[in-house]
Amino acid sequence: MALLARDFYERDPVEVARELIGKYLVRRTSQGLCSGAIVKTEAYLQTPSC
């Protein structure tokens, strides 16, 4: 399982959201590893402020 590089996230939010489906979040804790699969995402486009 490879880490996603920063440039993965520096793209169109809709594209990133689609590609995150099926990826895993993994966190190391004092009790061991905790992980879960991403099964749903949302994407928001930021509009320029006036």
Protein backbone atom coordinates (compact mmCIF):
# COMPACT_ATOMS: atom_id res chain seq x y z
CA MET A 1 0.00 0.00 0.00
CA ALA A 2 1.60 3.27 -1.13
CA LEU A 3 1.12 6.73 0.32
CA LEU A 4 -0.55 9.29 -1.91
CA ALA A 5 1.74 12.19 -2.76
CA ARG A 6 0.65 15.80 -2.25
CA ASP A 7 0.22 16.31 -6.01
CA PHE A 8 -2.55 13.67 -5.98
CA TYR A 9 -4.69 16.17 -4.06
CA GLU A 10 -3.66 19.25 -6.06
CA ARG A 11 -6.07 18.49 -8.90
CA ASP A 12 -9.72 18.93 -9.77
CA PRO A 13 -11.69 18.09 -6.58
CA VAL A 14 -14.25 15.98 -8.45
CA GLU A 15 -11.48 13.86 -9.99
CA VAL A 16 -9.75 13.44 -6.62
CA ALA A 17 -13.02 12.46 -4.92
CA ARG A 18 -13.71 9.77 -7.53
CA GLU A 19 -10.21 8.34 -7.24
CA LEU A 20 -10.33 8.22 -3.42
CA ILE A 21 -13.09 5.60 -3.52
CA GLY A 22 -11.55 2.27 -2.53
CA LYS A 23 -8.47 3.81 -0.92
CA TYR A 24 -7.69 3.17 2.75
CA LEU A 25 -7.09 5.55 5.63
CA VAL A 26 -4.52 4.09 8.02
CA ARG A 27 -3.53 5.48 11.39
CA ARG A 28 -0.91 4.17 13.78
CA THR A 29 -1.97 4.42 17.43
CA SER A 30 -0.43 3.27 20.69
CA GLN A 31 -2.63 0.16 20.39
CA GLY A 32 -1.56 -0.69 16.82
CA LEU A 33 -2.91 0.14 13.37
CA CYS A 34 -6.44 1.29 12.67
CA SER A 35 -7.73 1.41 9.08
CA GLY A 36 -10.87 1.80 7.03
CA ALA A 37 -11.83 1.91 3.37
CA ILE A 38 -13.21 5.08 1.77
CA VAL A 39 -16.61 4.18 0.33
CA LYS A 40 -18.17 7.62 -0.14
CA THR A 41 -16.79 11.07 -0.94
CA GLU A 42 -18.02 14.60 -1.60
CA ALA A 43 -16.34 17.29 -3.67
CA TYR A 44 -16.74 21.04 -3.40
CA LEU A 45 -15.51 23.56 -5.92
CA GLN A 46 -14.22 26.79 -4.43
CA THR A 47 -15.51 29.87 -6.21
CA PRO A 48 -13.42 33.02 -6.30
CA SER A 49 -14.51 35.68 -3.82
CA CYS A 50 -15.36 39.17 -4.98
